[in-house]
Amino acid sequence: MTPSIARLSLAGLIAVSSPAFLAAQSTPSSARAAAPATRSAPTAAKPTIVLVHGAFADGTGWQKVIPLLERDGYNVIAVQNPLTSFNTDVETTKRVIDAQQGPVILVGHSYGGAVITEAAADNPRVKALVYLAAFAPEAGEAIGAFGEKYPTPLGAALKPDAAGFLYVDRAKFREVFASDVSATDASVMAAAQKPIIGNVFGATITHASWKTIPSFYMVSQQDKALNPDLERFYAKRMGAHTSEIDASHVSFISHPKEITALIEQAAGQ
């Protein structure tokens, strides 16, 4: 017998002579077959977060929130609404929702709150609505119904163009829209603002989805674009899980960690 064969034979002899091997052989085969395999419990898939921007902005405004959500394992997509009509924005948002797999959390900022209120109607995959300093109209109610009752400095800062689209006066942009954002960032936001058709605030909602879908609302206490008292009115009427933050109209830019936490709270409820 060669040395290599001898070593192999010796190793095999040691293995079959070991207590573990002998114990296994003494166990009936039926018992061994019946031993259940250890399996980890299935993990429920996290919902997709769909972010809906408001007026004077686009989907890139969510750039500080998206990385935080993705870091925590969420699939995230920001809608790019044209802001040319309410119905068009709703249909655009619906297409994005329909393109996702599994449950969805809808997040709307400002005018985007009106959009998600309509877009989520009769869609069982939408599991929660998150409103950030946002409009939340009732069915049959115009988006801008409470503008006179709850005025803000934004009204005097709006400038229409020849086609009826509204811009925020760049000289007043930071003051009324983003007072807690750096001057540089606010200047870029003002230069890149996306105008909204002025008549959109007269559009009415046909479905108030917050009546049937769990809702969360973040009030911006220093908001000069949407009156904080109007935000509180919306949140109370909705029966929303309500939080407040010491922030301007764009809390998701100035306080992305807190906004991410709220979105994740909604996603986990």
Protein backbone atom coordinates (compact mmCIF):
# COMPACT_ATOMS: atom_id res chain seq x y z
CA MET A 1 0.00 0.00 0.00
CA THR A 2 1.39 3.35 -0.98
CA PRO A 3 1.80 6.08 1.69
CA SER A 4 -0.95 8.22 0.11
CA ILE A 5 -3.45 5.35 0.12
CA ALA A 6 -2.48 4.54 3.67
CA ARG A 7 -3.08 8.09 4.79
CA LEU A 8 -6.47 8.14 3.00
CA SER A 9 -7.50 4.85 4.56
CA LEU A 10 -6.43 6.01 7.99
CA ALA A 11 -8.41 9.26 7.61
CA GLY A 12 -11.49 7.31 6.54
CA LEU A 13 -11.11 4.92 9.45
CA ILE A 14 -10.88 7.82 11.91
CA ALA A 15 -13.97 9.46 10.41
CA VAL A 16 -16.18 6.37 10.55
CA SER A 17 -14.96 5.58 14.04
CA SER A 18 -15.80 9.03 15.43
CA PRO A 19 -18.57 9.31 18.09
CA ALA A 20 -20.54 11.74 15.91
CA PHE A 21 -20.61 9.31 12.98
CA LEU A 22 -21.53 6.35 15.16
CA ALA A 23 -24.28 8.33 16.90
CA ALA A 24 -25.72 9.36 13.55
CA GLN A 25 -25.74 5.75 12.35
CA SER A 26 -27.54 4.64 15.50
CA THR A 27 -30.38 7.08 14.84
CA PRO A 28 -33.23 5.51 12.85
CA SER A 29 -33.43 6.79 9.27
CA SER A 30 -37.06 7.76 9.77
CA ALA A 31 -36.10 10.02 12.67
CA ARG A 32 -33.34 11.62 10.66
CA ALA A 33 -35.72 12.29 7.77
CA ALA A 34 -38.27 13.81 10.10
CA ALA A 35 -35.85 16.36 11.57
CA PRO A 36 -37.04 19.76 10.33
CA ALA A 37 -34.64 22.02 8.45
CA THR A 38 -33.90 25.33 10.12
CA ARG A 39 -35.28 28.23 8.05
CA SER A 40 -35.21 31.93 8.66
CA ALA A 41 -38.57 33.68 8.82
CA PRO A 42 -39.50 35.42 5.55
CA THR A 43 -38.91 39.15 5.56
CA ALA A 44 -41.73 41.31 4.23
CA ALA A 45 -40.67 43.49 1.32
CA LYS A 46 -40.43 47.16 2.16
CA PRO A 47 -42.85 49.44 0.33
CA THR A 48 -41.70 51.69 -2.47
CA ILE A 49 -41.57 55.38 -1.55
CA VAL A 50 -43.06 57.63 -4.23
CA LEU A 51 -42.17 61.31 -3.75
CA VAL A 52 -44.35 64.01 -5.31
CA HIS A 53 -42.99 67.55 -5.53
CA GLY A 54 -44.98 70.75 -5.27
CA ALA A 55 -45.10 74.00 -7.21
CA PHE A 56 -41.94 75.90 -8.17
CA ALA A 57 -39.90 72.68 -7.91
CA ASP A 58 -39.27 69.31 -9.49
CA GLY A 59 -38.18 65.84 -8.39
CA THR A 60 -34.57 66.82 -7.81
CA GLY A 61 -35.69 68.71 -4.71
CA TRP A 62 -35.76 65.35 -2.88
CA GLN A 63 -32.01 64.85 -3.30
CA LYS A 64 -31.29 64.97 0.44
CA VAL A 65 -34.04 62.54 1.41
CA ILE A 66 -33.58 59.92 -1.31
CA PRO A 67 -30.09 58.74 -0.21
CA LEU A 68 -31.25 58.34 3.39
CA LEU A 69 -34.24 56.21 2.37
CA GLU A 70 -32.14 54.12 0.00
CA ARG A 71 -29.54 53.60 2.72
CA ASP A 72 -32.30 52.09 4.83
CA GLY A 73 -33.31 49.66 2.10
CA TYR A 74 -36.22 51.43 0.43
CA ASN A 75 -36.83 51.65 -3.27
CA VAL A 76 -37.50 55.33 -4.01
CA ILE A 77 -38.77 57.19 -7.05
CA ALA A 78 -39.49 60.89 -7.45
CA VAL A 79 -42.30 61.86 -9.81
CA GLN A 80 -41.57 64.59 -12.36
CA ASN A 81 -44.90 66.37 -12.73
CA PRO A 82 -45.28 68.92 -15.55
CA LEU A 83 -47.34 71.38 -13.43
CA THR A 84 -49.38 72.25 -16.51
CA SER A 85 -52.73 71.11 -15.08
CA PHE A 86 -53.98 69.31 -12.00
CA ASN A 87 -55.42 66.40 -14.00
CA THR A 88 -52.17 65.92 -15.88
CA ASP A 89 -50.17 65.87 -12.65
CA VAL A 90 -52.55 63.32 -11.13
CA GLU A 91 -52.33 61.07 -14.19
CA THR A 92 -48.54 61.33 -14.23
CA THR A 93 -48.40 60.34 -10.58
CA LYS A 94 -50.79 57.44 -11.13
CA ARG A 95 -48.57 56.07 -13.90
CA VAL A 96 -45.60 56.10 -11.57
CA ILE A 97 -47.58 54.32 -8.85
CA ASP A 98 -48.81 51.68 -11.29
CA ALA A 99 -45.27 51.02 -12.49
CA GLN A 100 -44.09 49.94 -9.03
CA GLN A 101 -44.14 46.44 -7.57
CA GLY A 102 -45.86 45.83 -4.25
CA PRO A 103 -47.08 48.35 -1.68
CA VAL A 104 -46.47 52.08 -2.05
CA ILE A 105 -46.11 55.02 0.34
CA LEU A 106 -47.04 58.36 -1.25
CA VAL A 107 -45.31 61.51 -0.05
CA GLY A 108 -46.53 64.92 -1.18
CA HIS A 109 -45.04 68.34 -0.54
CA SER A 110 -47.19 71.48 -0.76
CA TYR A 111 -49.27 71.29 -3.98
CA GLY A 112 -48.09 67.67 -4.21
CA GLY A 113 -50.38 66.93 -1.28
CA ALA A 114 -53.42 67.69 -3.43
CA VAL A 115 -51.98 65.47 -6.15
CA ILE A 116 -51.50 62.43 -3.89
CA THR A 117 -54.93 62.96 -2.36
CA GLU A 118 -56.49 62.37 -5.77
CA ALA A 119 -53.95 59.95 -7.23
CA ALA A 120 -54.25 57.42 -4.38
CA ALA A 121 -58.01 57.04 -4.71
CA ASP A 122 -59.24 53.45 -5.04
CA ASN A 123 -55.71 52.05 -5.16
CA PRO A 124 -55.29 49.28 -2.56
CA ARG A 125 -51.50 49.23 -3.01
CA VAL A 126 -51.14 52.70 -1.49
CA LYS A 127 -50.64 51.93 2.19
CA ALA A 128 -50.03 55.42 3.61
CA LEU A 129 -50.03 59.10 2.67
CA VAL A 130 -47.43 61.53 3.98
CA TYR A 131 -48.10 65.28 3.77
CA LEU A 132 -45.25 67.76 4.17
CA ALA A 133 -46.55 71.32 4.61
CA ALA A 134 -49.11 70.26 2.04
CA PHE A 135 -52.58 70.89 0.70
CA ALA A 136 -55.06 68.17 1.67
CA PRO A 137 -58.42 69.11 0.13
CA GLU A 138 -61.79 67.53 0.77
CA ALA A 139 -63.79 66.09 -2.12
CA GLY A 140 -65.41 68.94 -4.09
CA GLU A 141 -63.07 71.50 -2.56
CA ALA A 142 -60.76 73.75 -4.58
CA ILE A 143 -57.06 73.40 -3.86
CA GLY A 144 -56.78 77.08 -3.01
CA ALA A 145 -60.07 77.31 -1.13
CA PHE A 146 -58.56 78.72 2.06
CA GLY A 147 -56.09 81.19 0.57
CA GLU A 148 -57.97 84.24 1.81
CA LYS A 149 -58.72 82.83 5.26
CA TYR A 150 -55.10 81.76 5.79
CA PRO A 151 -52.95 84.27 3.87
CA THR A 152 -49.15 84.09 3.57
CA PRO A 153 -46.38 86.35 2.19
CA LEU A 154 -46.08 84.02 -0.82
CA GLY A 155 -49.15 85.55 -2.45
CA ALA A 156 -47.50 88.93 -2.93
CA ALA A 157 -44.32 87.29 -4.21
CA LEU A 158 -45.91 85.45 -7.15
CA LYS A 159 -45.33 86.70 -10.68
CA PRO A 160 -47.26 85.39 -13.70
CA ASP A 161 -45.73 85.11 -17.15
CA ALA A 162 -47.52 85.81 -20.45
CA ALA A 163 -48.92 82.26 -20.55
CA GLY A 164 -50.37 82.37 -17.05
CA PHE A 165 -47.67 80.32 -15.32
CA LEU A 166 -46.61 81.50 -11.87
CA TYR A 167 -43.06 82.07 -10.59
CA VAL A 168 -41.82 83.20 -7.18
CA ASP A 169 -40.04 86.54 -7.35
CA ARG A 170 -36.37 85.57 -7.12
CA ALA A 171 -35.60 88.51 -4.83
CA LYS A 172 -38.14 87.15 -2.32
CA PHE A 173 -37.68 83.43 -2.89
CA ARG A 174 -35.52 82.62 0.11
CA GLU A 175 -37.58 84.74 2.50
CA VAL A 176 -40.96 83.23 1.64
CA PHE A 177 -40.01 79.73 0.50
CA ALA A 178 -36.73 78.52 1.97
CA SER A 179 -35.58 80.75 4.83
CA ASP A 180 -33.70 77.95 6.61
CA VAL A 181 -31.75 76.88 3.52
CA SER A 182 -28.33 78.34 2.75
CA ALA A 183 -28.26 81.46 0.59
CA THR A 184 -26.43 79.56 -2.14
CA ASP A 185 -28.91 76.69 -2.20
CA ALA A 186 -31.87 79.08 -2.13
CA SER A 187 -30.39 81.04 -5.02
CA VAL A 188 -30.08 77.86 -7.08
CA MET A 189 -33.64 76.84 -6.19
CA ALA A 190 -34.91 80.26 -7.25
CA ALA A 191 -33.05 80.14 -10.55
CA ALA A 192 -34.18 76.59 -11.32
CA GLN A 193 -37.78 76.91 -10.08
CA LYS A 194 -40.41 75.19 -12.21
CA PRO A 195 -43.47 77.41 -12.77
CA ILE A 196 -47.00 76.15 -12.24
CA ILE A 197 -50.08 77.09 -14.23
CA GLY A 198 -51.93 79.67 -12.18
CA ASN A 199 -55.44 78.26 -12.57
CA VAL A 200 -54.44 74.98 -10.91
CA PHE A 201 -55.37 76.34 -7.49
CA GLY A 202 -58.97 76.58 -8.65
CA ALA A 203 -59.06 72.86 -9.52
CA THR A 204 -61.28 70.72 -7.30
CA ILE A 205 -60.66 67.30 -5.81
CA THR A 206 -63.07 64.48 -6.60
CA HIS A 207 -61.68 61.87 -4.15
CA ALA A 208 -60.25 62.52 -0.68
CA SER A 209 -58.16 59.39 -0.27
CA TRP A 210 -57.03 60.39 3.23
CA LYS A 211 -60.48 59.31 4.41
CA THR A 212 -59.60 55.65 3.82
CA ILE A 213 -55.78 55.54 3.85
CA PRO A 214 -53.64 56.13 6.98
CA SER A 215 -52.18 59.62 6.81
CA PHE A 216 -49.22 61.43 8.34
CA TYR A 217 -48.73 65.19 8.40
CA MET A 218 -45.67 67.32 9.13
CA VAL A 219 -46.48 70.96 9.93
CA SER A 220 -43.74 73.50 9.18
CA GLN A 221 -43.94 76.05 11.97
CA GLN A 222 -42.01 78.78 10.11
CA ASP A 223 -43.79 78.32 6.79
CA LYS A 224 -44.44 81.53 4.84
CA ALA A 225 -45.74 79.82 1.71
CA LEU A 226 -48.55 77.76 3.27
CA ASN A 227 -49.95 79.07 6.53
CA PRO A 228 -49.03 76.75 9.44
CA ASP A 229 -52.53 77.18 10.86
CA LEU A 230 -53.98 75.92 7.59
CA GLU A 231 -51.61 72.96 7.77
CA ARG A 232 -52.88 72.22 11.29
CA PHE A 233 -56.46 72.53 10.05
CA TYR A 234 -55.81 69.99 7.29
CA ALA A 235 -54.06 67.58 9.66
CA LYS A 236 -56.86 67.76 12.24
CA ARG A 237 -59.60 67.34 9.64
CA MET A 238 -57.81 64.32 8.22
CA GLY A 239 -57.24 62.73 11.61
CA ALA A 240 -53.60 62.40 10.57
CA HIS A 241 -50.68 61.35 12.72
CA THR A 242 -49.35 64.88 13.16
CA SER A 243 -45.86 66.20 13.92
CA GLU A 244 -44.47 69.73 13.83
CA ILE A 245 -41.01 70.95 12.94
CA ASP A 246 -39.29 74.31 13.30
CA ALA A 247 -38.74 74.72 9.58
CA SER A 248 -39.61 76.70 6.48
CA HIS A 249 -41.81 75.45 3.66
CA VAL A 250 -39.05 73.08 2.50
CA SER A 251 -38.41 70.98 5.61
CA PHE A 252 -37.33 68.01 3.48
CA ILE A 253 -34.35 70.09 2.33
CA SER A 254 -33.45 71.78 5.63
CA HIS A 255 -34.27 68.78 7.87
CA PRO A 256 -33.93 65.64 5.73
CA LYS A 257 -33.25 63.28 8.66
CA GLU A 258 -36.46 64.20 10.45
CA ILE A 259 -38.50 63.93 7.25
CA THR A 260 -36.95 60.57 6.43
CA ALA A 261 -37.88 59.34 9.91
CA LEU A 262 -41.50 60.39 9.36
CA ILE A 263 -41.67 58.64 6.00
CA GLU A 264 -40.19 55.48 7.49
CA GLN A 265 -42.70 55.67 10.34
CA ALA A 266 -45.49 55.71 7.78
CA ALA A 267 -43.88 52.85 5.89
CA GLY A 268 -43.65 50.72 9.02
CA GLN A 269 -47.14 51.28 10.39
